Protein backbone atom coordinates (compact mmCIF):
# COMPACT_ATOMS: atom_id res chain seq x y z
CA MET A 1 65.55 84.39 -114.73
CA HIS A 2 63.73 87.14 -112.88
CA ARG A 3 61.46 90.19 -113.35
CA TYR A 4 61.99 93.75 -112.12
CA THR A 5 58.59 94.69 -110.70
CA ALA A 6 57.66 98.36 -110.45
CA THR A 7 54.75 99.62 -108.37
CA GLU A 8 51.44 98.74 -110.05
CA THR A 9 49.98 101.29 -112.48
CA GLU A 10 46.53 101.14 -110.85
CA THR A 11 48.02 102.08 -107.47
CA VAL A 12 50.12 104.92 -108.90
CA ARG A 13 47.19 106.34 -110.90
CA LYS A 14 45.12 106.49 -107.70
CA TRP A 15 47.88 108.46 -105.94
CA GLN A 16 48.23 110.76 -108.94
CA ALA A 17 44.47 111.41 -108.71
CA GLY A 18 44.80 112.34 -105.01
CA ALA A 19 43.96 109.05 -103.28
CA PRO A 20 45.52 108.61 -99.83
CA ASP A 21 48.82 106.80 -99.38
CA ASP A 22 49.39 103.79 -97.13
CA ASN A 23 49.33 106.07 -94.06
CA GLY A 24 45.95 107.47 -95.09
CA GLN A 25 47.46 110.84 -96.04
CA THR A 26 47.16 112.80 -99.27
CA PRO A 27 50.43 112.50 -101.23
CA GLU A 28 52.58 115.62 -100.94
CA ARG A 29 53.33 117.51 -104.14
CA ALA A 30 56.88 118.71 -104.73
CA VAL A 31 59.27 119.59 -107.53
CA SER A 32 62.19 117.29 -108.25
CA ASP A 33 65.65 118.71 -107.78
CA GLY A 34 66.92 116.06 -110.20
CA GLN A 35 69.02 114.39 -107.52
CA GLY A 36 67.86 111.09 -106.07
CA ASN A 37 64.12 111.26 -106.75
CA PRO A 38 63.45 107.87 -108.36
CA CYS A 39 59.88 107.17 -109.47
CA ARG A 40 58.77 103.74 -108.28
CA HIS A 41 56.54 103.30 -111.35
CA CYS A 42 58.72 104.20 -114.36
CA LEU A 43 61.86 103.33 -112.33
CA ARG A 44 63.69 106.43 -113.57
CA ASP A 45 64.88 109.51 -111.74
CA ILE A 46 62.26 112.26 -111.93
CA PRO A 47 63.89 115.05 -113.97
CA LYS A 48 64.82 118.34 -112.38
CA GLY A 49 61.88 120.75 -112.36
CA GLU A 50 59.24 118.04 -112.85
CA ALA A 51 56.35 117.67 -110.42
CA MET A 52 56.45 114.63 -108.16
CA LEU A 53 54.52 113.08 -105.31
CA ILE A 54 56.06 112.06 -101.97
CA LEU A 55 54.06 109.47 -100.08
CA ALA A 56 54.13 106.52 -97.70
CA HIS A 57 54.10 103.13 -99.39
CA ARG A 58 53.88 99.64 -97.92
CA PRO A 59 54.78 97.23 -100.76
CA PHE A 60 53.22 94.19 -99.10
CA ALA A 61 49.83 92.52 -99.53
CA THR A 62 49.30 91.89 -95.82
CA LEU A 63 49.82 93.72 -92.55
CA GLN A 64 52.36 91.89 -90.42
CA PRO A 65 55.53 92.77 -88.51
CA TYR A 66 57.79 92.63 -91.59
CA ALA A 67 55.56 94.88 -93.73
CA GLU A 68 57.68 98.02 -93.75
CA THR A 69 56.14 101.35 -94.74
CA GLY A 70 58.31 104.18 -95.96
CA PRO A 71 58.59 107.21 -98.19
CA VAL A 72 58.67 106.90 -101.96
CA PHE A 73 58.52 109.26 -104.92
CA VAL A 74 56.35 108.92 -108.01
CA CYS A 75 55.92 111.17 -111.02
CA ALA A 76 52.98 113.55 -110.49
CA ALA A 77 52.00 113.18 -114.15
CA PRO A 78 51.17 109.77 -115.62
CA CYS A 79 54.26 107.85 -116.65
CA THR A 80 54.74 104.44 -118.24
CA ARG A 81 55.42 101.49 -115.95
CA ALA A 82 58.95 100.14 -116.35
CA ALA A 83 59.42 96.98 -118.38
CA ALA A 84 59.95 93.90 -116.22
CA ASP A 85 62.65 92.37 -118.42
CA VAL A 86 65.08 95.33 -118.48
CA VAL A 87 67.46 96.41 -115.71
CA PRO A 88 65.80 99.64 -114.53
CA ASP A 89 67.55 102.99 -114.68
CA ILE A 90 67.26 103.49 -110.92
CA LEU A 91 69.48 100.46 -110.33
CA GLN A 92 72.33 102.34 -111.94
CA THR A 93 72.25 105.62 -110.01
CA SER A 94 73.72 104.62 -106.65
CA PRO A 95 77.01 102.94 -105.76
CA ASP A 96 75.15 100.26 -103.78
CA TYR A 97 71.73 99.02 -102.66
CA LEU A 98 70.26 96.91 -99.88
CA LEU A 99 68.84 93.65 -101.26
CA LYS A 100 66.89 91.22 -99.08
CA GLY A 101 64.85 88.15 -99.80
CA TYR A 102 61.32 87.46 -98.62
CA SER A 103 59.31 84.25 -98.37
CA ALA A 104 55.92 83.72 -100.02
CA ASP A 105 54.26 84.83 -96.75
CA GLU A 106 56.15 88.14 -97.01
CA ARG A 107 58.60 87.46 -94.16
CA ILE A 108 62.29 88.34 -94.40
CA VAL A 109 64.42 85.27 -95.10
CA TYR A 110 67.22 85.86 -92.63
CA GLY A 111 70.72 85.77 -94.03
CA THR A 112 69.71 87.22 -97.41
CA GLY A 113 69.92 90.94 -96.59
CA GLU A 114 73.10 92.66 -97.70
CA ILE A 115 74.26 96.03 -98.95
CA THR A 116 75.46 95.17 -102.43
CA PRO A 117 77.70 97.21 -104.73
CA THR A 118 75.82 98.05 -107.93
CA PRO A 119 78.15 96.02 -110.22
CA ARG A 120 77.45 92.91 -108.11
CA ILE A 121 73.63 93.10 -108.07
CA ALA A 122 73.14 90.39 -110.73
CA ASP A 123 75.30 87.96 -108.73
CA LYS A 124 73.48 88.83 -105.49
CA ILE A 125 70.09 88.18 -107.13
CA GLN A 126 71.26 84.74 -108.26
CA ARG A 127 72.60 83.89 -104.78
CA VAL A 128 69.40 85.00 -103.04
CA PHE A 129 67.15 83.13 -105.47
CA ALA A 130 69.29 80.00 -104.97
CA ASN A 131 67.53 79.77 -101.60
CA PRO A 132 64.22 77.97 -102.33
CA ARG A 133 62.53 79.80 -99.43
CA VAL A 134 62.92 83.14 -101.24
CA ALA A 135 59.87 84.13 -103.30
CA PHE A 136 60.92 87.71 -104.07
CA ILE A 137 63.57 90.31 -103.34
CA HIS A 138 63.22 93.93 -102.28
CA VAL A 139 65.74 96.46 -103.46
CA ARG A 140 66.09 99.35 -101.02
CA SER A 141 68.28 102.39 -100.67
CA ALA A 142 71.51 101.51 -98.88
CA ARG A 143 71.52 104.91 -97.17
CA ASN A 144 67.90 105.47 -96.11
CA ASN A 145 66.30 102.02 -96.49
CA CYS A 146 63.69 103.44 -98.90
CA TYR A 147 61.92 100.86 -101.05
CA GLN A 148 62.99 101.00 -104.71
CA LEU A 149 61.46 97.98 -106.45
CA ARG A 150 60.70 94.30 -106.18
CA ILE A 151 62.42 91.49 -108.06
CA ASP A 152 60.31 88.40 -108.71
CA ARG A 153 61.18 84.94 -109.94
CA SER A 154 60.11 84.38 -113.55
């Protein structure tokens, strides 16, 4: 089995309080248009008209060549972190996603990255985790490569 891992509450609360993002910049405030603004904490689309933050996030513990930094959205107001045992809403809003496996030292495990149609995500997760070198999976936007969430082994 596996866990869907949203961005940590402590990290998100700091951004919501105005702490700098992973580029050292203050998160930008914006209003969601209701189209493709998934919060990386509650793992739901931010509703139209709701305040949101746009910021740079590097979802890795260490700095190294594979530690990608990119834009993410989070709710501007406190939201509840998504449950780890439920397929998150944001994994049902796009026709496909980029999934790729990473080793315990946060390096891409080559051969695991693939744009995967949404109905085939569960099968892709099983295939990637069949490789014992894979410690976790990143789910990213298939169009813009934006980080969505992490999937961990249980």
